[in-house]
Amino acid sequence: MISDSGGDDAVIGRGVRLGVDVGQARVGLAASDPDGLLATPIATLRRDHSVTFPAERGTIGGQGQATQWPEDIAQIVTEVVERRAEVVYIGLPRHLSGAEGQASGAVRKYAHLLAQAVAPATVRLVDERMTTVTAHRVLHAAGRSSRHHRKVVDQVAAVEILQLALDLERSRGQRAGELVAVSETKGEGR
């Protein structure tokens, strides 16, 4: 498991949490109830690789700064604002040994960008080993054929990631995972 890196938000309060499963082509999204008991699927978003970093266009999140985020990030920002989410949990892929691979670096970069976009809500990384495998098993058990998994497997994986984080919150009495810091770098949109 990824250890908690602290931060002011480490103590649990009431509020919606979001779960995100980041893939190369799609992003799964899930949300909790305000009490943080149950994760439910929201959507599968198409991953937008057209913008690698915010450009000087449009306004996101009411921050008064001109920033154009990738479409999937902008949709997550909308969910954070509309649901008044306190924290966004992103699954960090690891090998079974616990080591991080190439996919982990891409997810960390995505998490850093999302943290800037959703601030003051926080972004935290949680170990997502086996969540996609579990998601496929859940869909099979529900009677979904393998060829129909593609449309919803990312949402189910996001539910698994978020439910894991919620369960860790309850058992430990603090936020799960590793806090993603928001940097104040000129030209990065915040």
N, C-alpha and C. Protein backbone atom coordinates (compact mmCIF):
# COMPACT_ATOMS: atom_id res chain seq x y z
N MET A 1 0.83 -1.19 0.00
CA MET A 1 0.00 0.00 0.00
C MET A 1 0.87 1.25 0.00
N ILE A 2 0.37 2.28 -0.59
CA ILE A 2 1.06 3.57 -0.58
C ILE A 2 0.81 4.19 0.78
N SER A 3 1.87 4.65 1.40
CA SER A 3 1.70 5.23 2.73
C SER A 3 1.18 6.65 2.64
N ASP A 4 0.54 7.08 3.72
CA ASP A 4 0.00 8.44 3.76
C ASP A 4 1.14 9.42 3.96
N SER A 5 1.14 10.47 3.13
CA SER A 5 2.19 11.47 3.25
C SER A 5 1.75 12.67 4.06
N GLY A 6 0.65 12.52 4.78
CA GLY A 6 0.20 13.61 5.63
C GLY A 6 -0.56 14.67 4.88
N GLY A 7 -0.41 15.88 5.34
CA GLY A 7 -1.13 16.99 4.73
C GLY A 7 -2.30 17.39 5.61
N ASP A 8 -2.79 18.59 5.42
CA ASP A 8 -3.87 19.11 6.24
C ASP A 8 -5.16 18.33 6.08
N ASP A 9 -5.32 17.63 4.96
CA ASP A 9 -6.57 16.94 4.71
C ASP A 9 -6.53 15.49 5.17
N ALA A 10 -5.50 15.08 5.90
CA ALA A 10 -5.36 13.68 6.28
C ALA A 10 -6.49 13.23 7.21
N VAL A 11 -7.06 14.11 8.00
CA VAL A 11 -8.17 13.75 8.89
C VAL A 11 -9.46 13.73 8.08
N ILE A 12 -10.25 12.71 8.30
CA ILE A 12 -11.46 12.52 7.50
C ILE A 12 -12.58 13.42 7.97
N GLY A 13 -13.21 14.06 7.02
CA GLY A 13 -14.42 14.82 7.26
C GLY A 13 -15.51 14.27 6.36
N ARG A 14 -16.69 14.76 6.53
CA ARG A 14 -17.79 14.35 5.67
C ARG A 14 -17.60 14.98 4.30
N GLY A 15 -18.03 14.31 3.25
CA GLY A 15 -17.94 14.86 1.90
C GLY A 15 -17.75 13.78 0.85
N VAL A 16 -18.16 14.11 -0.34
CA VAL A 16 -18.06 13.19 -1.47
C VAL A 16 -16.59 13.01 -1.84
N ARG A 17 -16.25 11.78 -2.22
CA ARG A 17 -14.94 11.48 -2.77
C ARG A 17 -15.15 10.92 -4.17
N LEU A 18 -14.20 11.15 -5.06
CA LEU A 18 -14.24 10.58 -6.40
C LEU A 18 -13.12 9.56 -6.53
N GLY A 19 -13.35 8.55 -7.36
CA GLY A 19 -12.33 7.56 -7.70
C GLY A 19 -12.07 7.62 -9.19
N VAL A 20 -10.81 7.52 -9.58
CA VAL A 20 -10.43 7.62 -10.98
C VAL A 20 -9.51 6.46 -11.35
N ASP A 21 -9.85 5.78 -12.44
CA ASP A 21 -8.99 4.76 -13.02
C ASP A 21 -8.47 5.31 -14.34
N VAL A 22 -7.18 5.62 -14.40
CA VAL A 22 -6.58 6.24 -15.58
C VAL A 22 -6.00 5.16 -16.48
N GLY A 23 -6.49 5.14 -17.72
CA GLY A 23 -5.95 4.23 -18.72
C GLY A 23 -5.40 5.01 -19.89
N GLN A 24 -4.79 4.32 -20.81
CA GLN A 24 -4.23 4.97 -21.98
C GLN A 24 -5.31 5.55 -22.88
N ALA A 25 -6.45 4.85 -23.01
CA ALA A 25 -7.52 5.29 -23.90
C ALA A 25 -8.74 5.85 -23.17
N ARG A 26 -8.98 5.37 -21.95
CA ARG A 26 -10.18 5.76 -21.21
C ARG A 26 -9.86 6.05 -19.75
N VAL A 27 -10.76 6.81 -19.13
CA VAL A 27 -10.66 7.14 -17.71
C VAL A 27 -11.99 6.75 -17.07
N GLY A 28 -11.94 5.86 -16.08
CA GLY A 28 -13.14 5.48 -15.35
C GLY A 28 -13.33 6.42 -14.17
N LEU A 29 -14.60 6.73 -13.88
CA LEU A 29 -14.91 7.69 -12.82
C LEU A 29 -16.00 7.12 -11.92
N ALA A 30 -15.81 7.24 -10.61
CA ALA A 30 -16.78 6.78 -9.62
C ALA A 30 -16.90 7.85 -8.54
N ALA A 31 -18.00 7.81 -7.79
CA ALA A 31 -18.22 8.76 -6.70
C ALA A 31 -18.75 8.03 -5.47
N SER A 32 -18.51 8.63 -4.32
CA SER A 32 -19.06 8.10 -3.07
C SER A 32 -20.26 8.93 -2.65
N ASP A 33 -20.97 8.42 -1.68
CA ASP A 33 -22.01 9.21 -1.02
C ASP A 33 -21.29 10.19 -0.08
N PRO A 34 -22.00 11.21 0.44
CA PRO A 34 -21.34 12.20 1.31
C PRO A 34 -20.72 11.62 2.58
N ASP A 35 -21.23 10.47 3.04
CA ASP A 35 -20.67 9.85 4.24
C ASP A 35 -19.47 8.96 3.95
N GLY A 36 -19.15 8.77 2.67
CA GLY A 36 -17.99 7.97 2.31
C GLY A 36 -18.14 6.50 2.60
N LEU A 37 -19.35 5.98 2.42
CA LEU A 37 -19.59 4.56 2.69
C LEU A 37 -19.56 3.70 1.44
N LEU A 38 -20.12 4.20 0.34
CA LEU A 38 -20.32 3.37 -0.84
C LEU A 38 -19.88 4.08 -2.11
N ALA A 39 -19.13 3.38 -2.93
CA ALA A 39 -18.69 3.90 -4.23
C ALA A 39 -19.63 3.42 -5.33
N THR A 40 -20.00 4.32 -6.23
CA THR A 40 -20.85 3.97 -7.37
C THR A 40 -20.24 4.53 -8.65
N PRO A 41 -20.48 3.85 -9.79
CA PRO A 41 -19.91 4.33 -11.05
C PRO A 41 -20.59 5.59 -11.55
N ILE A 42 -19.82 6.45 -12.22
CA ILE A 42 -20.36 7.67 -12.83
C ILE A 42 -20.28 7.59 -14.34
N ALA A 43 -19.05 7.42 -14.86
CA ALA A 43 -18.88 7.50 -16.32
C ALA A 43 -17.54 6.91 -16.73
N THR A 44 -17.46 6.64 -18.03
CA THR A 44 -16.19 6.33 -18.67
C THR A 44 -15.90 7.48 -19.62
N LEU A 45 -14.77 8.13 -19.44
CA LEU A 45 -14.39 9.29 -20.25
C LEU A 45 -13.33 8.88 -21.27
N ARG A 46 -13.39 9.49 -22.44
CA ARG A 46 -12.35 9.26 -23.43
C ARG A 46 -11.13 10.07 -23.00
N ARG A 47 -9.98 9.45 -22.99
CA ARG A 47 -8.75 10.13 -22.59
C ARG A 47 -8.36 11.13 -23.66
N ASP A 48 -8.09 12.35 -23.27
CA ASP A 48 -7.74 13.43 -24.19
C ASP A 48 -6.23 13.67 -24.13
N HIS A 49 -5.54 13.25 -25.17
CA HIS A 49 -4.09 13.44 -25.23
C HIS A 49 -3.72 14.66 -26.06
N SER A 50 -4.72 15.43 -26.50
CA SER A 50 -4.44 16.56 -27.40
C SER A 50 -3.78 17.73 -26.69
N VAL A 51 -3.97 17.83 -25.39
CA VAL A 51 -3.36 18.92 -24.62
C VAL A 51 -2.46 18.26 -23.58
N THR A 52 -1.19 18.56 -23.62
CA THR A 52 -0.28 17.96 -22.65
C THR A 52 -0.12 18.81 -21.41
N PHE A 53 -0.37 20.11 -21.55
CA PHE A 53 -0.38 21.00 -20.40
C PHE A 53 -1.30 22.15 -20.70
N PRO A 54 -1.87 22.78 -19.70
CA PRO A 54 -2.83 23.85 -19.94
C PRO A 54 -2.27 24.94 -20.85
N ALA A 55 -3.10 25.38 -21.76
CA ALA A 55 -2.76 26.49 -22.64
C ALA A 55 -3.53 27.71 -22.18
N GLU A 56 -3.24 28.85 -22.74
CA GLU A 56 -3.91 30.09 -22.34
C GLU A 56 -5.23 30.28 -23.09
N ARG A 57 -6.24 29.48 -22.73
CA ARG A 57 -7.58 29.61 -23.31
C ARG A 57 -8.59 29.14 -22.27
N GLY A 58 -9.81 29.67 -22.33
CA GLY A 58 -10.91 29.18 -21.49
C GLY A 58 -10.66 29.34 -20.00
N THR A 59 -11.70 29.12 -19.21
CA THR A 59 -11.57 29.21 -17.76
C THR A 59 -12.15 27.95 -17.15
N ILE A 60 -11.45 27.35 -16.24
CA ILE A 60 -11.88 26.13 -15.57
C ILE A 60 -11.93 26.39 -14.07
N GLY A 61 -12.97 25.88 -13.42
CA GLY A 61 -13.05 25.89 -11.97
C GLY A 61 -13.26 27.22 -11.30
N GLY A 62 -13.59 28.25 -12.06
CA GLY A 62 -13.89 29.54 -11.47
C GLY A 62 -12.70 30.21 -10.80
N GLN A 63 -11.50 29.84 -11.14
CA GLN A 63 -10.32 30.40 -10.50
C GLN A 63 -9.91 31.73 -11.10
N GLY A 64 -10.57 32.16 -12.18
CA GLY A 64 -10.26 33.45 -12.77
C GLY A 64 -9.01 33.45 -13.63
N GLN A 65 -8.47 32.27 -13.89
CA GLN A 65 -7.28 32.18 -14.72
C GLN A 65 -7.64 31.52 -16.04
N ALA A 66 -7.03 31.97 -17.11
CA ALA A 66 -7.27 31.40 -18.42
C ALA A 66 -6.50 30.09 -18.54
N THR A 67 -7.23 28.97 -18.54
CA THR A 67 -6.59 27.67 -18.59
C THR A 67 -7.46 26.71 -19.38
N GLN A 68 -6.85 26.02 -20.32
CA GLN A 68 -7.55 24.99 -21.09
C GLN A 68 -6.99 23.64 -20.66
N TRP A 69 -7.81 22.85 -20.00
CA TRP A 69 -7.39 21.53 -19.56
C TRP A 69 -7.79 20.51 -20.61
N PRO A 70 -7.14 19.35 -20.63
CA PRO A 70 -7.61 18.27 -21.48
C PRO A 70 -9.08 17.97 -21.14
N GLU A 71 -9.86 17.54 -22.11
CA GLU A 71 -11.30 17.35 -21.93
C GLU A 71 -11.63 16.41 -20.77
N ASP A 72 -10.89 15.31 -20.61
CA ASP A 72 -11.18 14.39 -19.51
C ASP A 72 -10.93 15.04 -18.16
N ILE A 73 -9.87 15.83 -18.05
CA ILE A 73 -9.59 16.56 -16.81
C ILE A 73 -10.70 17.57 -16.55
N ALA A 74 -11.12 18.29 -17.59
CA ALA A 74 -12.20 19.29 -17.44
C ALA A 74 -13.49 18.63 -16.97
N GLN A 75 -13.79 17.42 -17.46
CA GLN A 75 -15.00 16.72 -17.03
C GLN A 75 -14.90 16.29 -15.57
N ILE A 76 -13.72 15.89 -15.14
CA ILE A 76 -13.53 15.54 -13.73
C ILE A 76 -13.67 16.78 -12.86
N VAL A 77 -13.12 17.91 -13.30
CA VAL A 77 -13.28 19.18 -12.57
C VAL A 77 -14.76 19.49 -12.41
N THR A 78 -15.54 19.32 -13.47
CA THR A 78 -16.98 19.56 -13.41
C THR A 78 -17.63 18.68 -12.34
N GLU A 79 -17.26 17.41 -12.31
CA GLU A 79 -17.82 16.49 -11.29
C GLU A 79 -17.41 16.93 -9.88
N VAL A 80 -16.17 17.34 -9.71
CA VAL A 80 -15.69 17.81 -8.40
C VAL A 80 -16.52 19.01 -7.94
N VAL A 81 -16.72 19.96 -8.84
CA VAL A 81 -17.47 21.18 -8.51
C VAL A 81 -18.93 20.86 -8.23
N GLU A 82 -19.58 20.11 -9.14
CA GLU A 82 -21.00 19.82 -8.98
C GLU A 82 -21.30 18.97 -7.76
N ARG A 83 -20.43 18.03 -7.44
CA ARG A 83 -20.65 17.14 -6.30
C ARG A 83 -20.01 17.66 -5.01
N ARG A 84 -19.28 18.78 -5.14
CA ARG A 84 -18.55 19.35 -4.00
C ARG A 84 -17.61 18.32 -3.37
N ALA A 85 -16.90 17.61 -4.23
CA ALA A 85 -16.00 16.55 -3.78
C ALA A 85 -14.84 17.13 -2.98
N GLU A 86 -14.48 16.44 -1.93
CA GLU A 86 -13.38 16.85 -1.05
C GLU A 86 -12.04 16.31 -1.54
N VAL A 87 -12.06 15.10 -2.07
CA VAL A 87 -10.83 14.42 -2.46
C VAL A 87 -11.09 13.55 -3.69
N VAL A 88 -10.07 13.41 -4.52
CA VAL A 88 -10.11 12.54 -5.69
C VAL A 88 -9.03 11.49 -5.50
N TYR A 89 -9.44 10.22 -5.48
CA TYR A 89 -8.49 9.12 -5.38
C TYR A 89 -8.20 8.58 -6.77
N ILE A 90 -6.93 8.48 -7.11
CA ILE A 90 -6.50 7.94 -8.40
C ILE A 90 -5.74 6.65 -8.13
N GLY A 91 -6.07 5.61 -8.89
CA GLY A 91 -5.36 4.35 -8.75
C GLY A 91 -3.97 4.44 -9.34
N LEU A 92 -2.97 4.03 -8.56
CA LEU A 92 -1.58 4.01 -9.03
C LEU A 92 -1.21 2.57 -9.35
N PRO A 93 -0.96 2.28 -10.64
CA PRO A 93 -0.63 0.89 -11.00
C PRO A 93 0.76 0.50 -10.51
N ARG A 94 0.83 -0.69 -9.97
CA ARG A 94 2.11 -1.24 -9.50
C ARG A 94 2.19 -2.69 -9.96
N HIS A 95 3.42 -3.17 -10.04
CA HIS A 95 3.62 -4.59 -10.31
C HIS A 95 3.24 -5.36 -9.05
N LEU A 96 3.03 -6.66 -9.17
CA LEU A 96 2.69 -7.46 -8.00
C LEU A 96 3.76 -7.37 -6.92
N SER A 97 5.00 -7.12 -7.32
CA SER A 97 6.10 -6.97 -6.37
C SER A 97 5.99 -5.68 -5.57
N GLY A 98 5.16 -4.75 -6.04
CA GLY A 98 5.02 -3.45 -5.40
C GLY A 98 5.80 -2.36 -6.10
N ALA A 99 6.67 -2.74 -7.01
CA ALA A 99 7.47 -1.76 -7.75
C ALA A 99 6.60 -1.00 -8.75
N GLU A 100 6.97 0.24 -8.99
CA GLU A 100 6.27 1.04 -9.98
C GLU A 100 6.89 0.81 -11.35
N GLY A 101 6.03 0.78 -12.36
CA GLY A 101 6.50 0.60 -13.73
C GLY A 101 6.26 1.85 -14.55
N GLN A 102 6.34 1.70 -15.87
CA GLN A 102 6.17 2.82 -16.79
C GLN A 102 4.78 3.45 -16.66
N ALA A 103 3.76 2.64 -16.49
CA ALA A 103 2.39 3.16 -16.37
C ALA A 103 2.25 4.04 -15.13
N SER A 104 2.99 3.73 -14.08
CA SER A 104 2.92 4.53 -12.85
C SER A 104 3.37 5.96 -13.09
N GLY A 105 4.41 6.13 -13.88
CA GLY A 105 4.90 7.47 -14.19
C GLY A 105 3.86 8.30 -14.92
N ALA A 106 3.16 7.67 -15.87
CA ALA A 106 2.12 8.37 -16.62
C ALA A 106 0.96 8.76 -15.70
N VAL A 107 0.60 7.87 -14.78
CA VAL A 107 -0.48 8.17 -13.84
C VAL A 107 -0.07 9.27 -12.88
N ARG A 108 1.16 9.27 -12.42
CA ARG A 108 1.64 10.34 -11.54
C ARG A 108 1.57 11.69 -12.24
N LYS A 109 1.94 11.73 -13.51
CA LYS A 109 1.88 12.97 -14.29
C LYS A 109 0.42 13.44 -14.41
N TYR A 110 -0.49 12.51 -14.69
CA TYR A 110 -1.91 12.81 -14.79
C TYR A 110 -2.42 13.34 -13.45
N ALA A 111 -2.03 12.68 -12.36
CA ALA A 111 -2.47 13.07 -11.02
C ALA A 111 -1.99 14.48 -10.68
N HIS A 112 -0.78 14.81 -11.07
CA HIS A 112 -0.23 16.15 -10.81
C HIS A 112 -1.05 17.20 -11.56
N LEU A 113 -1.36 16.94 -12.80
CA LEU A 113 -2.17 17.86 -13.60
C LEU A 113 -3.57 18.00 -13.02
N LEU A 114 -4.17 16.86 -12.63
CA LEU A 114 -5.51 16.90 -12.04
C LEU A 114 -5.51 17.65 -10.71
N ALA A 115 -4.47 17.48 -9.91
CA ALA A 115 -4.38 18.18 -8.62
C ALA A 115 -4.41 19.69 -8.83
N GLN A 116 -3.74 20.17 -9.86
CA GLN A 116 -3.76 21.60 -10.16
C GLN A 116 -5.16 22.04 -10.59
N ALA A 117 -5.82 21.19 -11.36
CA ALA A 117 -7.13 21.54 -11.90
C ALA A 117 -8.23 21.56 -10.85
N VAL A 118 -8.17 20.66 -9.86
CA VAL A 118 -9.27 20.54 -8.90
C VAL A 118 -9.04 21.27 -7.59
N ALA A 119 -7.85 21.85 -7.40
CA ALA A 119 -7.57 22.55 -6.14
C ALA A 119 -8.66 23.59 -5.89
N PRO A 120 -9.14 23.69 -4.66
CA PRO A 120 -8.58 23.24 -3.40
C PRO A 120 -8.94 21.80 -3.00
N ALA A 121 -9.76 21.10 -3.78
CA ALA A 121 -9.94 19.67 -3.50
C ALA A 121 -8.58 19.01 -3.67
N THR A 122 -8.37 17.89 -2.98
CA THR A 122 -7.07 17.23 -3.05
C THR A 122 -7.14 15.98 -3.91
N VAL A 123 -5.97 15.57 -4.38
CA VAL A 123 -5.81 14.34 -5.15
C VAL A 123 -4.86 13.45 -4.38
N ARG A 124 -5.22 12.17 -4.28
CA ARG A 124 -4.39 11.21 -3.57
C ARG A 124 -4.25 9.95 -4.43
N LEU A 125 -3.08 9.35 -4.39
CA LEU A 125 -2.80 8.12 -5.12
C LEU A 125 -2.96 6.92 -4.20
N VAL A 126 -3.68 5.90 -4.67
CA VAL A 126 -3.84 4.66 -3.91
C VAL A 126 -3.42 3.48 -4.79
N ASP A 127 -2.88 2.47 -4.16
CA ASP A 127 -2.42 1.27 -4.84
C ASP A 127 -3.60 0.60 -5.54
N GLU A 128 -3.47 0.39 -6.84
CA GLU A 128 -4.58 -0.21 -7.58
C GLU A 128 -4.26 -1.61 -8.10
N ARG A 129 -3.29 -2.26 -7.51
CA ARG A 129 -2.96 -3.62 -7.97
C ARG A 129 -4.21 -4.48 -8.03
N MET A 130 -4.40 -5.12 -9.14
CA MET A 130 -5.47 -6.10 -9.36
C MET A 130 -6.87 -5.51 -9.51
N THR A 131 -7.05 -4.20 -9.53
CA THR A 131 -8.41 -3.65 -9.63
C THR A 131 -9.05 -3.95 -10.98
N THR A 132 -8.29 -3.90 -12.06
CA THR A 132 -8.88 -4.19 -13.37
C THR A 132 -9.24 -5.67 -13.46
N VAL A 133 -8.40 -6.54 -12.92
CA VAL A 133 -8.71 -7.97 -12.89
C VAL A 133 -9.98 -8.19 -12.08
N THR A 134 -10.08 -7.55 -10.92
CA THR A 134 -11.28 -7.66 -10.09
C THR A 134 -12.50 -7.12 -10.82
N ALA A 135 -12.34 -6.01 -11.53
CA ALA A 135 -13.45 -5.43 -12.29
C ALA A 135 -13.96 -6.40 -13.34
N HIS A 136 -13.06 -7.07 -14.06
CA HIS A 136 -13.48 -8.07 -15.05
C HIS A 136 -14.22 -9.22 -14.38
N ARG A 137 -13.75 -9.65 -13.22
CA ARG A 137 -14.42 -10.74 -12.48
C ARG A 137 -15.82 -10.32 -12.05
N VAL A 138 -15.95 -9.10 -11.56
CA VAL A 138 -17.26 -8.59 -11.14
C VAL A 138 -18.22 -8.57 -12.32
N LEU A 139 -17.75 -8.09 -13.46
CA LEU A 139 -18.61 -8.03 -14.65
C LEU A 139 -18.99 -9.43 -15.13
N HIS A 140 -18.05 -10.38 -15.07
CA HIS A 140 -18.36 -11.75 -15.45
C HIS A 140 -19.41 -12.34 -14.52
N ALA A 141 -19.23 -12.11 -13.22
CA ALA A 141 -20.18 -12.62 -12.22
C ALA A 141 -21.56 -12.02 -12.40
N ALA A 142 -21.61 -10.80 -12.95
CA ALA A 142 -22.90 -10.13 -13.18
C ALA A 142 -23.53 -10.57 -14.50
N GLY A 143 -22.87 -11.48 -15.22
CA GLY A 143 -23.43 -11.98 -16.46
C GLY A 143 -23.10 -11.18 -17.70
N ARG A 144 -22.20 -10.22 -17.59
CA ARG A 144 -21.79 -9.42 -18.76
C ARG A 144 -20.81 -10.23 -19.59
N SER A 145 -21.01 -10.25 -20.89
CA SER A 145 -20.07 -10.96 -21.77
C SER A 145 -18.77 -10.17 -21.86
N SER A 146 -17.68 -10.88 -22.11
CA SER A 146 -16.36 -10.25 -22.16
C SER A 146 -16.28 -9.14 -23.19
N ARG A 147 -16.97 -9.28 -24.30
CA ARG A 147 -16.89 -8.25 -25.34
C ARG A 147 -17.60 -6.96 -24.93
N HIS A 148 -18.50 -7.02 -23.95
CA HIS A 148 -19.18 -5.82 -23.46
C HIS A 148 -18.48 -5.17 -22.27
N HIS A 149 -17.42 -5.81 -21.78
CA HIS A 149 -16.68 -5.28 -20.63
C HIS A 149 -16.05 -3.93 -20.94
N ARG A 150 -15.55 -3.78 -22.16
CA ARG A 150 -14.78 -2.59 -22.53
C ARG A 150 -15.51 -1.29 -22.20
N LYS A 151 -16.83 -1.28 -22.38
CA LYS A 151 -17.62 -0.06 -22.18
C LYS A 151 -17.70 0.37 -20.71
N VAL A 152 -17.59 -0.59 -19.81
CA VAL A 152 -17.81 -0.26 -18.39
C VAL A 152 -16.69 -0.69 -17.44
N VAL A 153 -15.70 -1.43 -17.93
CA VAL A 153 -14.68 -1.95 -17.02
C VAL A 153 -13.91 -0.83 -16.32
N ASP A 154 -13.71 0.30 -16.98
CA ASP A 154 -12.99 1.41 -16.35
C ASP A 154 -13.79 2.01 -15.20
N GLN A 155 -15.12 2.08 -15.36
CA GLN A 155 -15.98 2.57 -14.27
C GLN A 155 -15.93 1.61 -13.09
N VAL A 156 -16.00 0.31 -13.38
CA VAL A 156 -15.97 -0.69 -12.31
C VAL A 156 -14.62 -0.65 -11.60
N ALA A 157 -13.54 -0.48 -12.36
CA ALA A 157 -12.21 -0.36 -11.74
C ALA A 157 -12.14 0.89 -10.86
N ALA A 158 -12.74 2.00 -11.31
CA ALA A 158 -12.78 3.23 -10.50
C ALA A 158 -13.56 3.00 -9.21
N VAL A 159 -14.64 2.23 -9.29
CA VAL A 159 -15.42 1.88 -8.09
C VAL A 159 -14.54 1.08 -7.14
N GLU A 160 -13.79 0.10 -7.67
CA GLU A 160 -12.90 -0.72 -6.83
C GLU A 160 -11.84 0.15 -6.14
N ILE A 161 -11.25 1.07 -6.90
CA ILE A 161 -10.23 1.98 -6.34
C ILE A 161 -10.83 2.83 -5.23
N LEU A 162 -11.99 3.42 -5.50
CA LEU A 162 -12.62 4.30 -4.51
C LEU A 162 -13.08 3.52 -3.29
N GLN A 163 -13.67 2.34 -3.49
CA GLN A 163 -14.14 1.56 -2.35
C GLN A 163 -12.97 1.14 -1.47
N LEU A 164 -11.84 0.78 -2.09
CA LEU A 164 -10.64 0.46 -1.32
C LEU A 164 -10.22 1.66 -0.46
N ALA A 165 -10.21 2.85 -1.07
CA ALA A 165 -9.83 4.07 -0.33
C ALA A 165 -10.81 4.35 0.80
N LEU A 166 -12.10 4.19 0.54
CA LEU A 166 -13.11 4.43 1.58
C LEU A 166 -12.94 3.46 2.75
N ASP A 167 -12.69 2.19 2.42
CA ASP A 167 -12.49 1.18 3.46
C ASP A 167 -11.24 1.48 4.29
N LEU A 168 -10.17 1.94 3.61
CA LEU A 168 -8.95 2.32 4.33
C LEU A 168 -9.19 3.53 5.22
N GLU A 169 -9.97 4.50 4.73
CA GLU A 169 -10.31 5.67 5.56
C GLU A 169 -10.99 5.23 6.85
N ARG A 170 -11.98 4.36 6.72
CA ARG A 170 -12.73 3.91 7.90
C ARG A 170 -11.84 3.12 8.87
N SER A 171 -10.99 2.25 8.33
CA SER A 171 -10.18 1.42 9.21
C SER A 171 -9.04 2.19 9.89
N ARG A 172 -8.52 3.22 9.22
CA ARG A 172 -7.38 3.97 9.76
C ARG A 172 -7.76 5.30 10.39
N GLY A 173 -8.94 5.81 10.07
CA GLY A 173 -9.37 7.09 10.62
C GLY A 173 -8.69 8.28 9.97
N GLN A 174 -8.13 8.09 8.79
CA GLN A 174 -7.50 9.19 8.05
C GLN A 174 -7.59 8.90 6.55
N ARG A 175 -7.32 9.92 5.75
CA ARG A 175 -7.36 9.75 4.30
C ARG A 175 -6.38 8.67 3.87
N ALA A 176 -6.75 7.94 2.83
CA ALA A 176 -5.91 6.88 2.30
C ALA A 176 -4.92 7.45 1.29
N GLY A 177 -3.85 6.73 1.08
CA GLY A 177 -2.95 7.02 -0.02
C GLY A 177 -1.99 8.17 0.18
N GLU A 178 -1.36 8.51 -0.92
CA GLU A 178 -0.30 9.51 -0.98
C GLU A 178 -0.85 10.82 -1.55
N LEU A 179 -0.70 11.90 -0.81
CA LEU A 179 -1.16 13.21 -1.25
C LEU A 179 -0.33 13.69 -2.43
N VAL A 180 -1.01 14.17 -3.48
CA VAL A 180 -0.32 14.74 -4.64
C VAL A 180 -0.22 16.24 -4.41
N ALA A 181 1.00 16.74 -4.35
CA ALA A 181 1.22 18.16 -4.08
C ALA A 181 0.89 19.00 -5.31
N VAL A 182 0.36 20.18 -5.07
CA VAL A 182 0.07 21.14 -6.14
C VAL A 182 1.23 22.12 -6.16
N SER A 183 1.92 22.18 -7.30
CA SER A 183 3.05 23.12 -7.39
C SER A 183 2.59 24.42 -8.01
N GLU A 184 3.18 25.48 -7.58
CA GLU A 184 2.89 26.82 -8.09
C GLU A 184 3.97 27.21 -9.09
N THR A 185 3.97 26.56 -10.24
CA THR A 185 4.99 26.84 -11.25
C THR A 185 4.40 27.74 -12.31
N LYS A 186 5.11 28.80 -12.64
CA LYS A 186 4.66 29.76 -13.64
C LYS A 186 4.46 29.05 -14.98
N GLY A 187 3.31 29.34 -15.62
CA GLY A 187 3.03 28.77 -16.92
C GLY A 187 2.30 27.45 -16.86
N GLU A 188 2.05 26.93 -15.65
CA GLU A 188 1.35 25.67 -15.53
C GLU A 188 -0.13 25.87 -15.26
N GLY A 189 -0.64 27.07 -15.37
CA GLY A 189 -2.07 27.30 -15.25
C GLY A 189 -2.55 27.67 -13.87
N ARG A 190 -1.74 27.53 -12.85
CA ARG A 190 -2.15 27.89 -11.50
C ARG A 190 -1.05 28.60 -10.80
